[in-house]
Amino acid sequence: MAVKKYLKQVAELFHLRKEKCKDKKVCLEEAVNRLQGRQAELEARLAEEQTDKVRDKLSKQLKVVVAKREKGERILRELADNT
């Protein structure tokens, strides 16, 4: 996946304003860090939640966030290998 497309998807996930990223590596690191924070938040809420309907919703959100974070980490590794 292209870095530009990935950053756009992460921005949409966090409802961030779309701004041009000057240093893709820095933006990727920031996106991965935000996703790690969101993952921790969702895991904590999931552990506290009692109702099945909300737990299902949180677990689906968690799967998306984990997949995006892993994808971002993979892209960062590829960028590091190419330099």
PDB file of N, CA and C in Angstrom:
ATOM      1  N   MET A   1       0.844  -1.173   0.000  1.00  0.00           N
ATOM      2  CA  MET A   1       0.000   0.000   0.000  1.00  0.00           C
ATOM      3  C   MET A   1       0.885   1.231   0.000  1.00  0.00           C
ATOM      4  N   ALA A   2       0.490   2.197  -0.728  1.00  0.00           N
ATOM      5  CA  ALA A   2       1.259   3.427  -0.812  1.00  0.00           C
ATOM      6  C   ALA A   2       1.176   4.184   0.508  1.00  0.00           C
ATOM      7  N   VAL A   3       2.248   4.849   0.839  1.00  0.00           N
ATOM      8  CA  VAL A   3       2.333   5.601   2.086  1.00  0.00           C
ATOM      9  C   VAL A   3       1.262   6.687   2.121  1.00  0.00           C
ATOM     10  N   LYS A   4       1.075   7.353   1.021  1.00  0.00           N
ATOM     11  CA  LYS A   4       0.106   8.449   0.940  1.00  0.00           C
ATOM     12  C   LYS A   4      -1.310   7.947   1.249  1.00  0.00           C
ATOM     13  N   LYS A   5      -1.661   6.806   0.677  1.00  0.00           N
ATOM     14  CA  LYS A   5      -2.988   6.240   0.891  1.00  0.00           C
ATOM     15  C   LYS A   5      -3.154   5.794   2.342  1.00  0.00           C
ATOM     16  N   TYR A   6      -2.120   5.205   2.915  1.00  0.00           N
ATOM     17  CA  TYR A   6      -2.168   4.764   4.306  1.00  0.00           C
ATOM     18  C   TYR A   6      -2.379   5.956   5.240  1.00  0.00           C
ATOM     19  N   LEU A   7      -1.621   7.032   5.037  1.00  0.00           N
ATOM     20  CA  LEU A   7      -1.754   8.218   5.879  1.00  0.00           C
ATOM     21  C   LEU A   7      -3.154   8.826   5.763  1.00  0.00           C
ATOM     22  N   LYS A   8      -3.718   8.777   4.575  1.00  0.00           N
ATOM     23  CA  LYS A   8      -5.067   9.297   4.374  1.00  0.00           C
ATOM     24  C   LYS A   8      -6.074   8.466   5.168  1.00  0.00           C
ATOM     25  N   GLN A   9      -5.918   7.146   5.143  1.00  0.00           N
ATOM     26  CA  GLN A   9      -6.833   6.276   5.877  1.00  0.00           C
ATOM     27  C   GLN A   9      -6.727   6.498   7.380  1.00  0.00           C
ATOM     28  N   VAL A  10      -5.516   6.662   7.886  1.00  0.00           N
ATOM     29  CA  VAL A  10      -5.329   6.892   9.318  1.00  0.00           C
ATOM     30  C   VAL A  10      -5.906   8.249   9.709  1.00  0.00           C
ATOM     31  N   ALA A  11      -5.730   9.253   8.872  1.00  0.00           N
ATOM     32  CA  ALA A  11      -6.302  10.576   9.148  1.00  0.00           C
ATOM     33  C   ALA A  11      -7.819  10.496   9.216  1.00  0.00           C
ATOM     34  N   GLU A  12      -8.410   9.717   8.327  1.00  0.00           N
ATOM     35  CA  GLU A  12      -9.864   9.550   8.344  1.00  0.00           C
ATOM     36  C   GLU A  12     -10.305   8.815   9.601  1.00  0.00           C
ATOM     37  N   LEU A  13      -9.512   7.860  10.042  1.00  0.00           N
ATOM     38  CA  LEU A  13      -9.836   7.097  11.247  1.00  0.00           C
ATOM     39  C   LEU A  13      -9.881   8.007  12.467  1.00  0.00           C
ATOM     40  N   PHE A  14      -8.993   8.974  12.531  1.00  0.00           N
ATOM     41  CA  PHE A  14      -8.931   9.890  13.667  1.00  0.00           C
ATOM     42  C   PHE A  14      -9.632  11.221  13.397  1.00  0.00           C
ATOM     43  N   HIS A  15     -10.304  11.340  12.251  1.00  0.00           N
ATOM     44  CA  HIS A  15     -11.020  12.558  11.880  1.00  0.00           C
ATOM     45  C   HIS A  15     -10.092  13.770  11.898  1.00  0.00           C
ATOM     46  N   LEU A  16      -8.898  13.589  11.404  1.00  0.00           N
ATOM     47  CA  LEU A  16      -7.931  14.677  11.346  1.00  0.00           C
ATOM     48  C   LEU A  16      -8.118  15.457  10.058  1.00  0.00           C
ATOM     49  N   ARG A  17      -7.746  16.709  10.127  1.00  0.00           N
ATOM     50  CA  ARG A  17      -7.809  17.504   8.906  1.00  0.00           C
ATOM     51  C   ARG A  17      -6.710  17.001   7.965  1.00  0.00           C
ATOM     52  N   LYS A  18      -7.003  17.079   6.713  1.00  0.00           N
ATOM     53  CA  LYS A  18      -6.057  16.566   5.727  1.00  0.00           C
ATOM     54  C   LYS A  18      -5.027  17.644   5.427  1.00  0.00           C
ATOM     55  N   GLU A  19      -3.806  17.352   5.760  1.00  0.00           N
ATOM     56  CA  GLU A  19      -2.728  18.293   5.482  1.00  0.00           C
ATOM     57  C   GLU A  19      -1.586  17.534   4.822  1.00  0.00           C
ATOM     58  N   LYS A  20      -0.869  18.225   4.013  1.00  0.00           N
ATOM     59  CA  LYS A  20       0.243  17.627   3.291  1.00  0.00           C
ATOM     60  C   LYS A  20       1.370  17.307   4.266  1.00  0.00           C
ATOM     61  N   CYS A  21       1.872  16.116   4.172  1.00  0.00           N
ATOM     62  CA  CYS A  21       2.942  15.677   5.058  1.00  0.00           C
ATOM     63  C   CYS A  21       4.278  15.894   4.349  1.00  0.00           C
ATOM     64  N   LYS A  22       5.161  16.634   5.010  1.00  0.00           N
ATOM     65  CA  LYS A  22       6.446  16.932   4.398  1.00  0.00           C
ATOM     66  C   LYS A  22       7.433  15.777   4.541  1.00  0.00           C
ATOM     67  N   ASP A  23       7.466  15.148   5.705  1.00  0.00           N
ATOM     68  CA  ASP A  23       8.364  14.026   5.948  1.00  0.00           C
ATOM     69  C   ASP A  23       7.522  12.787   6.223  1.00  0.00           C
ATOM     70  N   LYS A  24       7.436  11.906   5.247  1.00  0.00           N
ATOM     71  CA  LYS A  24       6.562  10.745   5.357  1.00  0.00           C
ATOM     72  C   LYS A  24       6.935   9.844   6.529  1.00  0.00           C
ATOM     73  N   LYS A  25       8.210   9.706   6.811  1.00  0.00           N
ATOM     74  CA  LYS A  25       8.618   8.831   7.905  1.00  0.00           C
ATOM     75  C   LYS A  25       8.104   9.368   9.240  1.00  0.00           C
ATOM     76  N   VAL A  26       8.222  10.669   9.448  1.00  0.00           N
ATOM     77  CA  VAL A  26       7.742  11.290  10.690  1.00  0.00           C
ATOM     78  C   VAL A  26       6.229  11.128  10.797  1.00  0.00           C
ATOM     79  N   CYS A  27       5.518  11.346   9.709  1.00  0.00           N
ATOM     80  CA  CYS A  27       4.069  11.202   9.717  1.00  0.00           C
ATOM     81  C   CYS A  27       3.657   9.753   9.979  1.00  0.00           C
ATOM     82  N   LEU A  28       4.388   8.820   9.412  1.00  0.00           N
ATOM     83  CA  LEU A  28       4.102   7.407   9.655  1.00  0.00           C
ATOM     84  C   LEU A  28       4.330   7.045  11.117  1.00  0.00           C
ATOM     85  N   GLU A  29       5.421   7.524  11.681  1.00  0.00           N
ATOM     86  CA  GLU A  29       5.703   7.239  13.086  1.00  0.00           C
ATOM     87  C   GLU A  29       4.618   7.825  13.979  1.00  0.00           C
ATOM     88  N   GLU A  30       4.174   9.034  13.656  1.00  0.00           N
ATOM     89  CA  GLU A  30       3.102   9.664  14.428  1.00  0.00           C
ATOM     90  C   GLU A  30       1.802   8.868  14.304  1.00  0.00           C
ATOM     91  N   ALA A  31       1.505   8.410  13.101  1.00  0.00           N
ATOM     92  CA  ALA A  31       0.285   7.629  12.886  1.00  0.00           C
ATOM     93  C   ALA A  31       0.337   6.322  13.668  1.00  0.00           C
ATOM     94  N   VAL A  32       1.471   5.646  13.638  1.00  0.00           N
ATOM     95  CA  VAL A  32       1.611   4.386  14.365  1.00  0.00           C
ATOM     96  C   VAL A  32       1.481   4.630  15.870  1.00  0.00           C
ATOM     97  N   ASN A  33       2.069   5.707  16.361  1.00  0.00           N
ATOM     98  CA  ASN A  33       1.953   6.036  17.781  1.00  0.00           C
ATOM     99  C   ASN A  33       0.510   6.322  18.175  1.00  0.00           C
ATOM    100  N   ARG A  34      -0.206   7.055  17.339  1.00  0.00           N
ATOM    101  CA  ARG A  34      -1.622   7.328  17.613  1.00  0.00           C
ATOM    102  C   ARG A  34      -2.422   6.026  17.641  1.00  0.00           C
ATOM    103  N   LEU A  35      -2.114   5.152  16.704  1.00  0.00           N
ATOM    104  CA  LEU A  35      -2.825   3.872  16.643  1.00  0.00           C
ATOM    105  C   LEU A  35      -2.508   3.008  17.866  1.00  0.00           C
ATOM    106  N   GLN A  36      -1.280   3.054  18.345  1.00  0.00           N
ATOM    107  CA  GLN A  36      -0.935   2.312  19.554  1.00  0.00           C
ATOM    108  C   GLN A  36      -1.726   2.841  20.748  1.00  0.00           C
ATOM    109  N   GLY A  37      -1.841   4.148  20.848  1.00  0.00           N
ATOM    110  CA  GLY A  37      -2.623   4.749  21.918  1.00  0.00           C
ATOM    111  C   GLY A  37      -4.089   4.366  21.831  1.00  0.00           C
ATOM    112  N   ARG A  38      -4.624   4.415  20.626  1.00  0.00           N
ATOM    113  CA  ARG A  38      -6.028   4.033  20.408  1.00  0.00           C
ATOM    114  C   ARG A  38      -6.235   2.562  20.742  1.00  0.00           C
ATOM    115  N   GLN A  39      -5.270   1.719  20.386  1.00  0.00           N
ATOM    116  CA  GLN A  39      -5.364   0.298  20.683  1.00  0.00           C
ATOM    117  C   GLN A  39      -5.411   0.079  22.200  1.00  0.00           C
ATOM    118  N   ALA A  40      -4.561   0.741  22.936  1.00  0.00           N
ATOM    119  CA  ALA A  40      -4.547   0.611  24.394  1.00  0.00           C
ATOM    120  C   ALA A  40      -5.873   1.077  24.989  1.00  0.00           C
ATOM    121  N   GLU A  41      -6.387   2.180  24.458  1.00  0.00           N
ATOM    122  CA  GLU A  41      -7.670   2.705  24.928  1.00  0.00           C
ATOM    123  C   GLU A  41      -8.804   1.707  24.692  1.00  0.00           C
ATOM    124  N   LEU A  42      -8.844   1.138  23.489  1.00  0.00           N
ATOM    125  CA  LEU A  42      -9.895   0.177  23.161  1.00  0.00           C
ATOM    126  C   LEU A  42      -9.772  -1.093  23.999  1.00  0.00           C
ATOM    127  N   GLU A  43      -8.546  -1.553  24.226  1.00  0.00           N
ATOM    128  CA  GLU A  43      -8.348  -2.745  25.045  1.00  0.00           C
ATOM    129  C   GLU A  43      -8.831  -2.509  26.474  1.00  0.00           C
ATOM    130  N   ALA A  44      -8.569  -1.320  27.014  1.00  0.00           N
ATOM    131  CA  ALA A  44      -9.016  -1.001  28.368  1.00  0.00           C
ATOM    132  C   ALA A  44     -10.539  -0.939  28.437  1.00  0.00           C
ATOM    133  N   ARG A  45     -11.155  -0.298  27.453  1.00  0.00           N
ATOM    134  CA  ARG A  45     -12.619  -0.215  27.426  1.00  0.00           C
ATOM    135  C   ARG A  45     -13.241  -1.584  27.252  1.00  0.00           C
ATOM    136  N   LEU A  46     -12.609  -2.435  26.446  1.00  0.00           N
ATOM    137  CA  LEU A  46     -13.119  -3.780  26.207  1.00  0.00           C
ATOM    138  C   LEU A  46     -13.077  -4.605  27.492  1.00  0.00           C
ATOM    139  N   ALA A  47     -12.020  -4.445  28.271  1.00  0.00           N
ATOM    140  CA  ALA A  47     -11.886  -5.182  29.525  1.00  0.00           C
ATOM    141  C   ALA A  47     -12.942  -4.750  30.544  1.00  0.00           C
ATOM    142  N   GLU A  48     -13.360  -3.489  30.493  1.00  0.00           N
ATOM    143  CA  GLU A  48     -14.335  -2.962  31.446  1.00  0.00           C
ATOM    144  C   GLU A  48     -15.781  -3.228  31.039  1.00  0.00           C
ATOM    145  N   GLU A  49     -16.014  -3.362  29.757  1.00  0.00           N
ATOM    146  CA  GLU A  49     -17.385  -3.428  29.240  1.00  0.00           C
ATOM    147  C   GLU A  49     -18.079  -4.743  29.612  1.00  0.00           C
ATOM    148  N   GLN A  50     -19.373  -4.640  29.910  1.00  0.00           N
ATOM    149  CA  GLN A  50     -20.162  -5.798  30.333  1.00  0.00           C
ATOM    150  C   GLN A  50     -21.096  -6.314  29.241  1.00  0.00           C
ATOM    151  N   THR A  51     -21.660  -5.419  28.436  1.00  0.00           N
ATOM    152  CA  THR A  51     -22.664  -5.835  27.461  1.00  0.00           C
ATOM    153  C   THR A  51     -22.011  -6.406  26.208  1.00  0.00           C
ATOM    154  N   ASP A  52     -22.626  -7.471  25.707  1.00  0.00           N
ATOM    155  CA  ASP A  52     -22.069  -8.159  24.537  1.00  0.00           C
ATOM    156  C   ASP A  52     -22.087  -7.298  23.285  1.00  0.00           C
ATOM    157  N   LYS A  53     -23.146  -6.520  23.101  1.00  0.00           N
ATOM    158  CA  LYS A  53     -23.270  -5.697  21.896  1.00  0.00           C
ATOM    159  C   LYS A  53     -22.129  -4.679  21.821  1.00  0.00           C
ATOM    160  N   VAL A  54     -21.845  -4.030  22.918  1.00  0.00           N
ATOM    161  CA  VAL A  54     -20.775  -3.029  22.945  1.00  0.00           C
ATOM    162  C   VAL A  54     -19.421  -3.711  22.834  1.00  0.00           C
ATOM    163  N   ARG A  55     -19.257  -4.871  23.457  1.00  0.00           N
ATOM    164  CA  ARG A  55     -18.000  -5.615  23.366  1.00  0.00           C
ATOM    165  C   ARG A  55     -17.711  -6.018  21.924  1.00  0.00           C
ATOM    166  N   ASP A  56     -18.739  -6.447  21.200  1.00  0.00           N
ATOM    167  CA  ASP A  56     -18.567  -6.797  19.787  1.00  0.00           C
ATOM    168  C   ASP A  56     -18.112  -5.586  18.980  1.00  0.00           C
ATOM    169  N   LYS A  57     -18.750  -4.457  19.229  1.00  0.00           N
ATOM    170  CA  LYS A  57     -18.399  -3.228  18.510  1.00  0.00           C
ATOM    171  C   LYS A  57     -16.956  -2.822  18.813  1.00  0.00           C
ATOM    172  N   LEU A  58     -16.581  -2.882  20.092  1.00  0.00           N
ATOM    173  CA  LEU A  58     -15.217  -2.526  20.479  1.00  0.00           C
ATOM    174  C   LEU A  58     -14.197  -3.498  19.898  1.00  0.00           C
ATOM    175  N   SER A  59     -14.523  -4.785  19.871  1.00  0.00           N
ATOM    176  CA  SER A  59     -13.564  -5.755  19.335  1.00  0.00           C
ATOM    177  C   SER A  59     -13.370  -5.567  17.831  1.00  0.00           C
ATOM    178  N   LYS A  60     -14.423  -5.186  17.123  1.00  0.00           N
ATOM    179  CA  LYS A  60     -14.290  -4.906  15.687  1.00  0.00           C
ATOM    180  C   LYS A  60     -13.414  -3.675  15.461  1.00  0.00           C
ATOM    181  N   GLN A  61     -13.642  -2.632  16.266  1.00  0.00           N
ATOM    182  CA  GLN A  61     -12.809  -1.432  16.159  1.00  0.00           C
ATOM    183  C   GLN A  61     -11.364  -1.763  16.474  1.00  0.00           C
ATOM    184  N   LEU A  62     -11.159  -2.604  17.472  1.00  0.00           N
ATOM    185  CA  LEU A  62      -9.810  -2.996  17.866  1.00  0.00           C
ATOM    186  C   LEU A  62      -9.103  -3.749  16.743  1.00  0.00           C
ATOM    187  N   LYS A  63      -9.812  -4.632  16.062  1.00  0.00           N
ATOM    188  CA  LYS A  63      -9.220  -5.369  14.940  1.00  0.00           C
ATOM    189  C   LYS A  63      -8.758  -4.421  13.840  1.00  0.00           C
ATOM    190  N   VAL A  64      -9.573  -3.415  13.547  1.00  0.00           N
ATOM    191  CA  VAL A  64      -9.219  -2.441  12.506  1.00  0.00           C
ATOM    192  C   VAL A  64      -7.973  -1.660  12.918  1.00  0.00           C
ATOM    193  N   VAL A  65      -7.949  -1.198  14.169  1.00  0.00           N
ATOM    194  CA  VAL A  65      -6.823  -0.408  14.653  1.00  0.00           C
ATOM    195  C   VAL A  65      -5.545  -1.238  14.660  1.00  0.00           C
ATOM    196  N   VAL A  66      -5.634  -2.491  15.092  1.00  0.00           N
ATOM    197  CA  VAL A  66      -4.451  -3.364  15.120  1.00  0.00           C
ATOM    198  C   VAL A  66      -3.941  -3.602  13.701  1.00  0.00           C
ATOM    199  N   ALA A  67      -4.848  -3.849  12.771  1.00  0.00           N
ATOM    200  CA  ALA A  67      -4.440  -4.078  11.381  1.00  0.00           C
ATOM    201  C   ALA A  67      -3.759  -2.839  10.798  1.00  0.00           C
ATOM    202  N   LYS A  68      -4.315  -1.664  11.056  1.00  0.00           N
ATOM    203  CA  LYS A  68      -3.718  -0.427  10.550  1.00  0.00           C
ATOM    204  C   LYS A  68      -2.342  -0.187  11.188  1.00  0.00           C
ATOM    205  N   ARG A  69      -2.220  -0.442  12.491  1.00  0.00           N
ATOM    206  CA  ARG A  69      -0.944  -0.251  13.175  1.00  0.00           C
ATOM    207  C   ARG A  69       0.106  -1.192  12.606  1.00  0.00           C
ATOM    208  N   GLU A  70      -0.251  -2.448  12.428  1.00  0.00           N
ATOM    209  CA  GLU A  70       0.696  -3.420  11.879  1.00  0.00           C
ATOM    210  C   GLU A  70       1.113  -3.041  10.457  1.00  0.00           C
ATOM    211  N   LYS A  71       0.167  -2.556   9.682  1.00  0.00           N
ATOM    212  CA  LYS A  71       0.473  -2.128   8.315  1.00  0.00           C
ATOM    213  C   LYS A  71       1.439  -0.952   8.336  1.00  0.00           C
ATOM    214  N   GLY A  72       1.201  -0.017   9.242  1.00  0.00           N
ATOM    215  CA  GLY A  72       2.092   1.138   9.378  1.00  0.00           C
ATOM    216  C   GLY A  72       3.490   0.725   9.792  1.00  0.00           C
ATOM    217  N   GLU A  73       3.581  -0.210  10.728  1.00  0.00           N
ATOM    218  CA  GLU A  73       4.893  -0.689  11.159  1.00  0.00           C
ATOM    219  C   GLU A  73       5.617  -1.393  10.020  1.00  0.00           C
ATOM    220  N   ARG A  74       4.867  -2.142   9.216  1.00  0.00           N
ATOM    221  CA  ARG A  74       5.471  -2.827   8.063  1.00  0.00           C
ATOM    222  C   ARG A  74       5.999  -1.810   7.047  1.00  0.00           C
ATOM    223  N   ILE A  75       5.243  -0.753   6.805  1.00  0.00           N
ATOM    224  CA  ILE A  75       5.676   0.283   5.865  1.00  0.00           C
ATOM    225  C   ILE A  75       6.929   0.984   6.400  1.00  0.00           C
ATOM    226  N   LEU A  76       6.957   1.259   7.705  1.00  0.00           N
ATOM    227  CA  LEU A  76       8.140   1.885   8.303  1.00  0.00           C
ATOM    228  C   LEU A  76       9.372   0.996   8.149  1.00  0.00           C
ATOM    229  N   ARG A  77       9.208  -0.303   8.363  1.00  0.00           N
ATOM    230  CA  ARG A  77      10.339  -1.229   8.188  1.00  0.00           C
ATOM    231  C   ARG A  77      10.813  -1.234   6.745  1.00  0.00           C
ATOM    232  N   GLU A  78       9.878  -1.203   5.804  1.00  0.00           N
ATOM    233  CA  GLU A  78      10.253  -1.172   4.387  1.00  0.00           C
ATOM    234  C   GLU A  78      11.005   0.103   4.046  1.00  0.00           C
ATOM    235  N   LEU A  79      10.565   1.228   4.600  1.00  0.00           N
ATOM    236  CA  LEU A  79      11.268   2.489   4.365  1.00  0.00           C
ATOM    237  C   LEU A  79      12.670   2.448   4.958  1.00  0.00           C
ATOM    238  N   ALA A  80      12.802   1.849   6.135  1.00  0.00           N
ATOM    239  CA  ALA A  80      14.115   1.750   6.775  1.00  0.00           C
ATOM    240  C   ALA A  80      15.041   0.828   5.973  1.00  0.00           C
ATOM    241  N   ASP A  81      14.509  -0.235   5.409  1.00  0.00           N
ATOM    242  CA  ASP A  81      15.307  -1.159   4.624  1.00  0.00           C
ATOM    243  C   ASP A  81      15.772  -0.531   3.310  1.00  0.00           C
ATOM    244  N   ASN A  82      14.966   0.359   2.766  1.00  0.00           N
ATOM    245  CA  ASN A  82      15.286   0.978   1.489  1.00  0.00           C
ATOM    246  C   ASN A  82      16.293   2.107   1.613  1.00  0.00           C
ATOM    247  N   THR A  83      16.516   2.591   2.819  1.00  0.00           N
ATOM    248  CA  THR A  83      17.454   3.711   2.975  1.00  0.00           C
ATOM    249  C   THR A  83      18.819   3.255   3.398  1.00  0.00           C
TER     250      THR A  83
END
